[in-house]
Amino acid sequence: MIDKPEVSASALWLTPLEQGIIRIGFADDGRELLGPVQKITWQVEQGRVHLGTPFLIVSGVNEELTLHFPFAGRIAQINEDLAAHPEWLNNRNDDLDWMVDLAIE
């Protein structure tokens, strides 16, 4: 299992949604590292998080990676559908492969 914040950071994409809300998704670097995603395990559900808080474990055919928040904030929304459809992380589609919306406070 890979549990290094610097590897986690390269596996994420970030995009602003609205004032103070950042959407976090799974980037191509993560796909290349893990291979096809088989399973995800949420590490958080709601509330405030700190820089470096682990939020998701993504298990692929090649490796398992713990993803960490790249900054502090409050969870505004989690893409709960990913638990039933981890394969959505296998292809770039910002409408499906997003993970968390984080409110920056």
PDB file of N, CA and C in Angstrom:
ATOM      1  N   MET A   1       0.844  -1.184   0.000  1.00  0.00           N
ATOM      2  CA  MET A   1       0.000   0.000   0.000  1.00  0.00           C
ATOM      3  C   MET A   1       0.886   1.244   0.000  1.00  0.00           C
ATOM      4  N   ILE A   2       0.523   2.195  -0.823  1.00  0.00           N
ATOM      5  CA  ILE A   2       1.227   3.474  -0.867  1.00  0.00           C
ATOM      6  C   ILE A   2       0.457   4.473  -0.012  1.00  0.00           C
ATOM      7  N   ASP A   3       1.126   5.036   0.977  1.00  0.00           N
ATOM      8  CA  ASP A   3       0.482   5.986   1.879  1.00  0.00           C
ATOM      9  C   ASP A   3       1.402   7.197   2.062  1.00  0.00           C
ATOM     10  N   LYS A   4       1.713   7.862   0.941  1.00  0.00           N
ATOM     11  CA  LYS A   4       2.594   9.029   0.962  1.00  0.00           C
ATOM     12  C   LYS A   4       1.838  10.235   0.415  1.00  0.00           C
ATOM     13  N   PRO A   5       1.786  11.341   1.166  1.00  0.00           N
ATOM     14  CA  PRO A   5       1.048  12.523   0.694  1.00  0.00           C
ATOM     15  C   PRO A   5       1.488  13.023  -0.672  1.00  0.00           C
ATOM     16  N   GLU A   6       2.784  12.926  -0.994  1.00  0.00           N
ATOM     17  CA  GLU A   6       3.253  13.439  -2.285  1.00  0.00           C
ATOM     18  C   GLU A   6       2.740  12.585  -3.446  1.00  0.00           C
ATOM     19  N   VAL A   7       2.616  11.287  -3.262  1.00  0.00           N
ATOM     20  CA  VAL A   7       2.048  10.422  -4.299  1.00  0.00           C
ATOM     21  C   VAL A   7       0.551  10.689  -4.418  1.00  0.00           C
ATOM     22  N   SER A   8      -0.090  10.867  -3.266  1.00  0.00           N
ATOM     23  CA  SER A   8      -1.516  11.190  -3.241  1.00  0.00           C
ATOM     24  C   SER A   8      -1.793  12.467  -4.022  1.00  0.00           C
ATOM     25  N   ALA A   9      -0.987  13.488  -3.805  1.00  0.00           N
ATOM     26  CA  ALA A   9      -1.201  14.783  -4.464  1.00  0.00           C
ATOM     27  C   ALA A   9      -1.131  14.664  -5.982  1.00  0.00           C
ATOM     28  N   SER A  10      -0.226  13.845  -6.496  1.00  0.00           N
ATOM     29  CA  SER A  10      -0.109  13.709  -7.954  1.00  0.00           C
ATOM     30  C   SER A  10      -1.261  12.894  -8.549  1.00  0.00           C
ATOM     31  N   ALA A  11      -2.010  12.183  -7.700  1.00  0.00           N
ATOM     32  CA  ALA A  11      -3.132  11.361  -8.168  1.00  0.00           C
ATOM     33  C   ALA A  11      -4.460  12.120  -8.138  1.00  0.00           C
ATOM     34  N   LEU A  12      -4.419  13.423  -7.814  1.00  0.00           N
ATOM     35  CA  LEU A  12      -5.644  14.210  -7.677  1.00  0.00           C
ATOM     36  C   LEU A  12      -5.721  15.338  -8.687  1.00  0.00           C
ATOM     37  N   TRP A  13      -6.937  15.649  -9.127  1.00  0.00           N
ATOM     38  CA  TRP A  13      -7.175  16.901  -9.840  1.00  0.00           C
ATOM     39  C   TRP A  13      -8.070  17.763  -8.958  1.00  0.00           C
ATOM     40  N   LEU A  14      -7.923  19.067  -9.095  1.00  0.00           N
ATOM     41  CA  LEU A  14      -8.681  20.036  -8.308  1.00  0.00           C
ATOM     42  C   LEU A  14      -9.309  21.048  -9.246  1.00  0.00           C
ATOM     43  N   THR A  15     -10.549  21.402  -8.981  1.00  0.00           N
ATOM     44  CA  THR A  15     -11.194  22.442  -9.775  1.00  0.00           C
ATOM     45  C   THR A  15     -12.159  23.231  -8.892  1.00  0.00           C
ATOM     46  N   PRO A  16     -12.151  24.559  -9.001  1.00  0.00           N
ATOM     47  CA  PRO A  16     -13.107  25.356  -8.219  1.00  0.00           C
ATOM     48  C   PRO A  16     -14.513  25.209  -8.796  1.00  0.00           C
ATOM     49  N   LEU A  17     -15.503  25.041  -7.912  1.00  0.00           N
ATOM     50  CA  LEU A  17     -16.896  24.946  -8.334  1.00  0.00           C
ATOM     51  C   LEU A  17     -17.606  26.277  -8.173  1.00  0.00           C
ATOM     52  N   GLU A  18     -17.459  26.857  -7.020  1.00  0.00           N
ATOM     53  CA  GLU A  18     -18.073  28.134  -6.685  1.00  0.00           C
ATOM     54  C   GLU A  18     -17.216  28.751  -5.604  1.00  0.00           C
ATOM     55  N   GLN A  19     -17.588  29.912  -5.159  1.00  0.00           N
ATOM     56  CA  GLN A  19     -16.786  30.608  -4.153  1.00  0.00           C
ATOM     57  C   GLN A  19     -16.527  29.719  -2.938  1.00  0.00           C
ATOM     58  N   GLY A  20     -15.279  29.362  -2.722  1.00  0.00           N
ATOM     59  CA  GLY A  20     -14.885  28.621  -1.532  1.00  0.00           C
ATOM     60  C   GLY A  20     -15.070  27.119  -1.599  1.00  0.00           C
ATOM     61  N   ILE A  21     -15.544  26.571  -2.734  1.00  0.00           N
ATOM     62  CA  ILE A  21     -15.733  25.121  -2.868  1.00  0.00           C
ATOM     63  C   ILE A  21     -14.791  24.585  -3.953  1.00  0.00           C
ATOM     64  N   ILE A  22     -14.003  23.582  -3.578  1.00  0.00           N
ATOM     65  CA  ILE A  22     -13.072  22.941  -4.508  1.00  0.00           C
ATOM     66  C   ILE A  22     -13.485  21.489  -4.678  1.00  0.00           C
ATOM     67  N   ARG A  23     -13.604  21.042  -5.928  1.00  0.00           N
ATOM     68  CA  ARG A  23     -13.906  19.638  -6.221  1.00  0.00           C
ATOM     69  C   ARG A  23     -12.580  18.900  -6.408  1.00  0.00           C
ATOM     70  N   ILE A  24     -12.488  17.728  -5.789  1.00  0.00           N
ATOM     71  CA  ILE A  24     -11.295  16.891  -5.859  1.00  0.00           C
ATOM     72  C   ILE A  24     -11.670  15.609  -6.606  1.00  0.00           C
ATOM     73  N   GLY A  25     -10.866  15.256  -7.603  1.00  0.00           N
ATOM     74  CA  GLY A  25     -11.128  14.058  -8.387  1.00  0.00           C
ATOM     75  C   GLY A  25      -9.864  13.235  -8.593  1.00  0.00           C
ATOM     76  N   PHE A  26     -10.013  12.140  -9.308  1.00  0.00           N
ATOM     77  CA  PHE A  26      -8.929  11.187  -9.530  1.00  0.00           C
ATOM     78  C   PHE A  26      -8.253  11.487 -10.861  1.00  0.00           C
ATOM     79  N   ALA A  27      -6.967  11.741 -10.819  1.00  0.00           N
ATOM     80  CA  ALA A  27      -6.204  12.165 -11.998  1.00  0.00           C
ATOM     81  C   ALA A  27      -5.553  10.983 -12.725  1.00  0.00           C
ATOM     82  N   ASP A  28      -5.071  11.268 -13.930  1.00  0.00           N
ATOM     83  CA  ASP A  28      -4.434  10.249 -14.766  1.00  0.00           C
ATOM     84  C   ASP A  28      -3.231   9.604 -14.084  1.00  0.00           C
ATOM     85  N   ASP A  29      -2.460  10.359 -13.298  1.00  0.00           N
ATOM     86  CA  ASP A  29      -1.303   9.775 -12.602  1.00  0.00           C
ATOM     87  C   ASP A  29      -1.729   8.652 -11.667  1.00  0.00           C
ATOM     88  N   GLY A  30      -2.869   8.818 -11.025  1.00  0.00           N
ATOM     89  CA  GLY A  30      -3.384   7.764 -10.150  1.00  0.00           C
ATOM     90  C   GLY A  30      -3.781   6.526 -10.935  1.00  0.00           C
ATOM     91  N   ARG A  31      -4.418   6.732 -12.075  1.00  0.00           N
ATOM     92  CA  ARG A  31      -4.818   5.602 -12.925  1.00  0.00           C
ATOM     93  C   ARG A  31      -3.608   4.814 -13.409  1.00  0.00           C
ATOM     94  N   GLU A  32      -2.559   5.525 -13.809  1.00  0.00           N
ATOM     95  CA  GLU A  32      -1.349   4.864 -14.288  1.00  0.00           C
ATOM     96  C   GLU A  32      -0.675   4.061 -13.181  1.00  0.00           C
ATOM     97  N   LEU A  33      -0.663   4.587 -11.986  1.00  0.00           N
ATOM     98  CA  LEU A  33      -0.015   3.927 -10.861  1.00  0.00           C
ATOM     99  C   LEU A  33      -0.763   2.666 -10.424  1.00  0.00           C
ATOM    100  N   LEU A  34      -2.086   2.749 -10.349  1.00  0.00           N
ATOM    101  CA  LEU A  34      -2.875   1.665  -9.774  1.00  0.00           C
ATOM    102  C   LEU A  34      -3.342   0.616 -10.765  1.00  0.00           C
ATOM    103  N   GLY A  35      -3.462   0.995 -12.024  1.00  0.00           N
ATOM    104  CA  GLY A  35      -4.116   0.104 -12.972  1.00  0.00           C
ATOM    105  C   GLY A  35      -5.614   0.197 -12.757  1.00  0.00           C
ATOM    106  N   PRO A  36      -6.386  -0.675 -13.390  1.00  0.00           N
ATOM    107  CA  PRO A  36      -7.836  -0.602 -13.237  1.00  0.00           C
ATOM    108  C   PRO A  36      -8.261  -0.667 -11.764  1.00  0.00           C
ATOM    109  N   VAL A  37      -9.139   0.257 -11.378  1.00  0.00           N
ATOM    110  CA  VAL A  37      -9.617   0.329  -9.999  1.00  0.00           C
ATOM    111  C   VAL A  37     -10.634  -0.776  -9.763  1.00  0.00           C
ATOM    112  N   GLN A  38     -10.465  -1.470  -8.639  1.00  0.00           N
ATOM    113  CA  GLN A  38     -11.358  -2.561  -8.285  1.00  0.00           C
ATOM    114  C   GLN A  38     -12.258  -2.225  -7.101  1.00  0.00           C
ATOM    115  N   LYS A  39     -11.768  -1.357  -6.202  1.00  0.00           N
ATOM    116  CA  LYS A  39     -12.499  -1.102  -4.966  1.00  0.00           C
ATOM    117  C   LYS A  39     -12.039   0.222  -4.368  1.00  0.00           C
ATOM    118  N   ILE A  40     -12.958   0.889  -3.665  1.00  0.00           N
ATOM    119  CA  ILE A  40     -12.596   2.067  -2.892  1.00  0.00           C
ATOM    120  C   ILE A  40     -13.126   1.899  -1.472  1.00  0.00           C
ATOM    121  N   THR A  41     -12.450   2.557  -0.525  1.00  0.00           N
ATOM    122  CA  THR A  41     -12.873   2.529   0.871  1.00  0.00           C
ATOM    123  C   THR A  41     -12.774   3.947   1.423  1.00  0.00           C
ATOM    124  N   TRP A  42     -13.923   4.533   1.744  1.00  0.00           N
ATOM    125  CA  TRP A  42     -13.937   5.888   2.315  1.00  0.00           C
ATOM    126  C   TRP A  42     -13.341   5.877   3.707  1.00  0.00           C
ATOM    127  N   GLN A  43     -12.566   6.902   4.027  1.00  0.00           N
ATOM    128  CA  GLN A  43     -11.955   7.064   5.346  1.00  0.00           C
ATOM    129  C   GLN A  43     -12.601   8.191   6.139  1.00  0.00           C
ATOM    130  N   VAL A  44     -13.446   8.982   5.483  1.00  0.00           N
ATOM    131  CA  VAL A  44     -14.147  10.106   6.120  1.00  0.00           C
ATOM    132  C   VAL A  44     -15.594  10.109   5.630  1.00  0.00           C
ATOM    133  N   GLU A  45     -16.452  10.800   6.361  1.00  0.00           N
ATOM    134  CA  GLU A  45     -17.848  10.915   5.947  1.00  0.00           C
ATOM    135  C   GLU A  45     -18.310  12.362   5.868  1.00  0.00           C
ATOM    136  N   GLN A  46     -17.928  13.148   6.850  1.00  0.00           N
ATOM    137  CA  GLN A  46     -18.358  14.542   6.886  1.00  0.00           C
ATOM    138  C   GLN A  46     -17.494  15.308   7.874  1.00  0.00           C
ATOM    139  N   GLY A  47     -17.741  16.610   7.944  1.00  0.00           N
ATOM    140  CA  GLY A  47     -17.063  17.435   8.937  1.00  0.00           C
ATOM    141  C   GLY A  47     -15.795  18.101   8.435  1.00  0.00           C
ATOM    142  N   ARG A  48     -15.072  18.661   9.388  1.00  0.00           N
ATOM    143  CA  ARG A  48     -13.825  19.359   9.095  1.00  0.00           C
ATOM    144  C   ARG A  48     -12.688  18.366   8.924  1.00  0.00           C
ATOM    145  N   VAL A  49     -11.770  18.721   8.037  1.00  0.00           N
ATOM    146  CA  VAL A  49     -10.586  17.894   7.810  1.00  0.00           C
ATOM    147  C   VAL A  49      -9.354  18.798   7.812  1.00  0.00           C
ATOM    148  N   HIS A  50      -8.238  18.199   8.097  1.00  0.00           N
ATOM    149  CA  HIS A  50      -6.960  18.915   8.133  1.00  0.00           C
ATOM    150  C   HIS A  50      -6.131  18.559   6.909  1.00  0.00           C
ATOM    151  N   LEU A  51      -5.178  19.386   6.605  1.00  0.00           N
ATOM    152  CA  LEU A  51      -4.202  19.081   5.563  1.00  0.00           C
ATOM    153  C   LEU A  51      -3.606  17.706   5.853  1.00  0.00           C
ATOM    154  N   GLY A  52      -3.634  16.833   4.874  1.00  0.00           N
ATOM    155  CA  GLY A  52      -3.035  15.513   5.029  1.00  0.00           C
ATOM    156  C   GLY A  52      -3.945  14.445   5.604  1.00  0.00           C
ATOM    157  N   THR A  53      -5.183  14.798   5.953  1.00  0.00           N
ATOM    158  CA  THR A  53      -6.121  13.789   6.457  1.00  0.00           C
ATOM    159  C   THR A  53      -6.399  12.762   5.363  1.00  0.00           C
ATOM    160  N   PRO A  54      -6.240  11.469   5.645  1.00  0.00           N
ATOM    161  CA  PRO A  54      -6.584  10.453   4.650  1.00  0.00           C
ATOM    162  C   PRO A  54      -8.096  10.449   4.433  1.00  0.00           C
ATOM    163  N   PHE A  55      -8.525  10.387   3.156  1.00  0.00           N
ATOM    164  CA  PHE A  55      -9.962  10.387   2.909  1.00  0.00           C
ATOM    165  C   PHE A  55     -10.450   9.207   2.083  1.00  0.00           C
ATOM    166  N   LEU A  56      -9.577   8.547   1.330  1.00  0.00           N
ATOM    167  CA  LEU A  56     -10.039   7.449   0.483  1.00  0.00           C
ATOM    168  C   LEU A  56      -8.886   6.498   0.198  1.00  0.00           C
ATOM    169  N   ILE A  57      -9.166   5.204   0.258  1.00  0.00           N
ATOM    170  CA  ILE A  57      -8.210   4.194  -0.185  1.00  0.00           C
ATOM    171  C   ILE A  57      -8.737   3.648  -1.510  1.00  0.00           C
ATOM    172  N   VAL A  58      -7.902   3.747  -2.540  1.00  0.00           N
ATOM    173  CA  VAL A  58      -8.262   3.268  -3.871  1.00  0.00           C
ATOM    174  C   VAL A  58      -7.417   2.032  -4.155  1.00  0.00           C
ATOM    175  N   SER A  59      -8.086   0.912  -4.428  1.00  0.00           N
ATOM    176  CA  SER A  59      -7.412  -0.357  -4.704  1.00  0.00           C
ATOM    177  C   SER A  59      -7.530  -0.679  -6.188  1.00  0.00           C
ATOM    178  N   GLY A  60      -6.361  -0.813  -6.821  1.00  0.00           N
ATOM    179  CA  GLY A  60      -6.315  -1.187  -8.226  1.00  0.00           C
ATOM    180  C   GLY A  60      -5.688  -2.559  -8.379  1.00  0.00           C
ATOM    181  N   VAL A  61      -5.569  -3.029  -9.600  1.00  0.00           N
ATOM    182  CA  VAL A  61      -4.976  -4.347  -9.828  1.00  0.00           C
ATOM    183  C   VAL A  61      -3.479  -4.358  -9.536  1.00  0.00           C
ATOM    184  N   ASN A  62      -2.813  -3.198  -9.636  1.00  0.00           N
ATOM    185  CA  ASN A  62      -1.371  -3.128  -9.420  1.00  0.00           C
ATOM    186  C   ASN A  62      -0.973  -2.701  -8.011  1.00  0.00           C
ATOM    187  N   GLU A  63      -1.797  -1.881  -7.368  1.00  0.00           N
ATOM    188  CA  GLU A  63      -1.380  -1.252  -6.104  1.00  0.00           C
ATOM    189  C   GLU A  63      -2.604  -0.716  -5.382  1.00  0.00           C
ATOM    190  N   GLU A  64      -2.386  -0.303  -4.152  1.00  0.00           N
ATOM    191  CA  GLU A  64      -3.412   0.353  -3.335  1.00  0.00           C
ATOM    192  C   GLU A  64      -2.835   1.682  -2.870  1.00  0.00           C
ATOM    193  N   LEU A  65      -3.636   2.734  -2.958  1.00  0.00           N
ATOM    194  CA  LEU A  65      -3.167   4.082  -2.649  1.00  0.00           C
ATOM    195  C   LEU A  65      -4.114   4.764  -1.677  1.00  0.00           C
ATOM    196  N   THR A  66      -3.556   5.335  -0.612  1.00  0.00           N
ATOM    197  CA  THR A  66      -4.333   6.152   0.317  1.00  0.00           C
ATOM    198  C   THR A  66      -4.246   7.604  -0.150  1.00  0.00           C
ATOM    199  N   LEU A  67      -5.403   8.211  -0.408  1.00  0.00           N
ATOM    200  CA  LEU A  67      -5.457   9.605  -0.838  1.00  0.00           C
ATOM    201  C   LEU A  67      -5.648  10.507   0.373  1.00  0.00           C
ATOM    202  N   HIS A  68      -4.926  11.636   0.379  1.00  0.00           N
ATOM    203  CA  HIS A  68      -4.940  12.592   1.485  1.00  0.00           C
ATOM    204  C   HIS A  68      -5.444  13.945   0.993  1.00  0.00           C
ATOM    205  N   PHE A  69      -6.150  14.667   1.868  1.00  0.00           N
ATOM    206  CA  PHE A  69      -6.600  15.998   1.493  1.00  0.00           C
ATOM    207  C   PHE A  69      -5.403  16.920   1.275  1.00  0.00           C
ATOM    208  N   PRO A  70      -5.386  17.667   0.149  1.00  0.00           N
ATOM    209  CA  PRO A  70      -4.269  18.566  -0.138  1.00  0.00           C
ATOM    210  C   PRO A  70      -4.346  19.889   0.618  1.00  0.00           C
ATOM    211  N   PHE A  71      -5.435  20.131   1.345  1.00  0.00           N
ATOM    212  CA  PHE A  71      -5.577  21.319   2.188  1.00  0.00           C
ATOM    213  C   PHE A  71      -6.696  21.076   3.192  1.00  0.00           C
ATOM    214  N   ALA A  72      -6.814  21.964   4.143  1.00  0.00           N
ATOM    215  CA  ALA A  72      -7.829  21.846   5.194  1.00  0.00           C
ATOM    216  C   ALA A  72      -9.143  22.464   4.733  1.00  0.00           C
ATOM    217  N   GLY A  73     -10.234  22.021   5.342  1.00  0.00           N
ATOM    218  CA  GLY A  73     -11.543  22.578   5.029  1.00  0.00           C
ATOM    219  C   GLY A  73     -12.646  21.761   5.673  1.00  0.00           C
ATOM    220  N   ARG A  74     -13.829  21.885   5.098  1.00  0.00           N
ATOM    221  CA  ARG A  74     -15.000  21.148   5.566  1.00  0.00           C
ATOM    222  C   ARG A  74     -15.589  20.402   4.386  1.00  0.00           C
ATOM    223  N   ILE A  75     -15.896  19.130   4.581  1.00  0.00           N
ATOM    224  CA  ILE A  75     -16.483  18.332   3.506  1.00  0.00           C
ATOM    225  C   ILE A  75     -17.875  18.879   3.204  1.00  0.00           C
ATOM    226  N   ALA A  76     -18.090  19.301   1.976  1.00  0.00           N
ATOM    227  CA  ALA A  76     -19.391  19.805   1.552  1.00  0.00           C
ATOM    228  C   ALA A  76     -20.223  18.678   0.936  1.00  0.00           C
ATOM    229  N   GLN A  77     -19.546  17.762   0.211  1.00  0.00           N
ATOM    230  CA  GLN A  77     -20.255  16.655  -0.430  1.00  0.00           C
ATOM    231  C   GLN A  77     -19.261  15.563  -0.787  1.00  0.00           C
ATOM    232  N   ILE A  78     -19.709  14.328  -0.677  1.00  0.00           N
ATOM    233  CA  ILE A  78     -18.928  13.161  -1.083  1.00  0.00           C
ATOM    234  C   ILE A  78     -19.672  12.478  -2.228  1.00  0.00           C
ATOM    235  N   ASN A  79     -18.939  12.009  -3.213  1.00  0.00           N
ATOM    236  CA  ASN A  79     -19.532  11.252  -4.317  1.00  0.00           C
ATOM    237  C   ASN A  79     -19.760   9.820  -3.846  1.00  0.00           C
ATOM    238  N   GLU A  80     -20.851   9.614  -3.140  1.00  0.00           N
ATOM    239  CA  GLU A  80     -21.152   8.312  -2.543  1.00  0.00           C
ATOM    240  C   GLU A  80     -21.401   7.227  -3.589  1.00  0.00           C
ATOM    241  N   ASP A  81     -21.739   7.604  -4.818  1.00  0.00           N
ATOM    242  CA  ASP A  81     -21.975   6.624  -5.876  1.00  0.00           C
ATOM    243  C   ASP A  81     -20.710   5.853  -6.262  1.00  0.00           C
ATOM    244  N   LEU A  82     -19.532   6.410  -5.912  1.00  0.00           N
ATOM    245  CA  LEU A  82     -18.283   5.721  -6.254  1.00  0.00           C
ATOM    246  C   LEU A  82     -18.149   4.370  -5.566  1.00  0.00           C
ATOM    247  N   ALA A  83     -18.721   4.213  -4.380  1.00  0.00           N
ATOM    248  CA  ALA A  83     -18.613   2.937  -3.672  1.00  0.00           C
ATOM    249  C   ALA A  83     -19.228   1.807  -4.498  1.00  0.00           C
ATOM    250  N   ALA A  84     -20.337   2.087  -5.165  1.00  0.00           N
ATOM    251  CA  ALA A  84     -20.997   1.081  -6.003  1.00  0.00           C
ATOM    252  C   ALA A  84     -20.386   0.997  -7.404  1.00  0.00           C
ATOM    253  N   HIS A  85     -19.660   2.057  -7.799  1.00  0.00           N
ATOM    254  CA  HIS A  85     -19.094   2.117  -9.156  1.00  0.00           C
ATOM    255  C   HIS A  85     -17.629   2.570  -9.129  1.00  0.00           C
ATOM    256  N   PRO A  86     -16.732   1.823  -8.482  1.00  0.00           N
ATOM    257  CA  PRO A  86     -15.320   2.236  -8.456  1.00  0.00           C
ATOM    258  C   PRO A  86     -14.701   2.295  -9.849  1.00  0.00           C
ATOM    259  N   GLU A  87     -15.295   1.574 -10.805  1.00  0.00           N
ATOM    260  CA  GLU A  87     -14.769   1.586 -12.177  1.00  0.00           C
ATOM    261  C   GLU A  87     -14.867   2.963 -12.818  1.00  0.00           C
ATOM    262  N   TRP A  88     -15.689   3.865 -12.263  1.00  0.00           N
ATOM    263  CA  TRP A  88     -15.765   5.230 -12.775  1.00  0.00           C
ATOM    264  C   TRP A  88     -14.422   5.938 -12.684  1.00  0.00           C
ATOM    265  N   LEU A  89     -13.565   5.488 -11.764  1.00  0.00           N
ATOM    266  CA  LEU A  89     -12.249   6.108 -11.616  1.00  0.00           C
ATOM    267  C   LEU A  89     -11.266   5.679 -12.699  1.00  0.00           C
ATOM    268  N   ASN A  90     -11.642   4.726 -13.529  1.00  0.00           N
ATOM    269  CA  ASN A  90     -10.726   4.215 -14.555  1.00  0.00           C
ATOM    270  C   ASN A  90     -10.595   5.116 -15.774  1.00  0.00           C
ATOM    271  N   ASN A  91     -11.526   6.042 -15.962  1.00  0.00           N
ATOM    272  CA  ASN A  91     -11.487   6.930 -17.123  1.00  0.00           C
ATOM    273  C   ASN A  91     -11.737   8.363 -16.686  1.00  0.00           C
ATOM    274  N   ARG A  92     -11.127   9.291 -17.378  1.00  0.00           N
ATOM    275  CA  ARG A  92     -11.310  10.706 -17.069  1.00  0.00           C
ATOM    276  C   ARG A  92     -12.707  11.132 -17.493  1.00  0.00           C
ATOM    277  N   ASN A  93     -13.513  11.468 -16.510  1.00  0.00           N
ATOM    278  CA  ASN A  93     -14.841  12.011 -16.733  1.00  0.00           C
ATOM    279  C   ASN A  93     -15.178  12.809 -15.483  1.00  0.00           C
ATOM    280  N   ASP A  94     -15.025  14.115 -15.546  1.00  0.00           N
ATOM    281  CA  ASP A  94     -15.172  14.957 -14.362  1.00  0.00           C
ATOM    282  C   ASP A  94     -16.542  14.844 -13.707  1.00  0.00           C
ATOM    283  N   ASP A  95     -17.547  14.407 -14.446  1.00  0.00           N
ATOM    284  CA  ASP A  95     -18.876  14.242 -13.873  1.00  0.00           C
ATOM    285  C   ASP A  95     -18.990  12.962 -13.051  1.00  0.00           C
ATOM    286  N   LEU A  96     -18.103  11.997 -13.294  1.00  0.00           N
ATOM    287  CA  LEU A  96     -18.159  10.721 -12.587  1.00  0.00           C
ATOM    288  C   LEU A  96     -16.992  10.486 -11.646  1.00  0.00           C
ATOM    289  N   ASP A  97     -15.766  10.880 -12.047  1.00  0.00           N
ATOM    290  CA  ASP A  97     -14.587  10.510 -11.263  1.00  0.00           C
ATOM    291  C   ASP A  97     -14.215  11.509 -10.168  1.00  0.00           C
ATOM    292  N   TRP A  98     -15.131  12.417  -9.844  1.00  0.00           N
ATOM    293  CA  TRP A  98     -14.880  13.313  -8.718  1.00  0.00           C
ATOM    294  C   TRP A  98     -15.124  12.540  -7.412  1.00  0.00           C
ATOM    295  N   MET A  99     -14.463  12.974  -6.355  1.00  0.00           N
ATOM    296  CA  MET A  99     -14.560  12.269  -5.079  1.00  0.00           C
ATOM    297  C   MET A  99     -15.226  13.103  -4.001  1.00  0.00           C
ATOM    298  N   VAL A 100     -14.713  14.317  -3.818  1.00  0.00           N
ATOM    299  CA  VAL A 100     -15.156  15.147  -2.692  1.00  0.00           C
ATOM    300  C   VAL A 100     -15.218  16.605  -3.112  1.00  0.00           C
ATOM    301  N   ASP A 101     -16.234  17.301  -2.614  1.00  0.00           N
ATOM    302  CA  ASP A 101     -16.269  18.767  -2.693  1.00  0.00           C
ATOM    303  C   ASP A 101     -15.872  19.281  -1.304  1.00  0.00           C
ATOM    304  N   LEU A 102     -14.849  20.129  -1.275  1.00  0.00           N
ATOM    305  CA  LEU A 102     -14.317  20.618  -0.015  1.00  0.00           C
ATOM    306  C   LEU A 102     -14.513  22.126   0.073  1.00  0.00           C
ATOM    307  N   ALA A 103     -15.129  22.560   1.157  1.00  0.00           N
ATOM    308  CA  ALA A 103     -15.310  23.999   1.417  1.00  0.00           C
ATOM    309  C   ALA A 103     -14.062  24.493   2.148  1.00  0.00           C
ATOM    310  N   ILE A 104     -13.410  25.468   1.546  1.00  0.00           N
ATOM    311  CA  ILE A 104     -12.216  26.055   2.139  1.00  0.00           C
ATOM    312  C   ILE A 104     -12.655  27.138   3.120  1.00  0.00           C
ATOM    313  N   GLU A 105     -12.234  26.992   4.363  1.00  0.00           N
ATOM    314  CA  GLU A 105     -12.629  27.958   5.401  1.00  0.00           C
ATOM    315  C   GLU A 105     -11.451  28.702   5.953  1.00  0.00           C
TER     316      GLU A 105
END
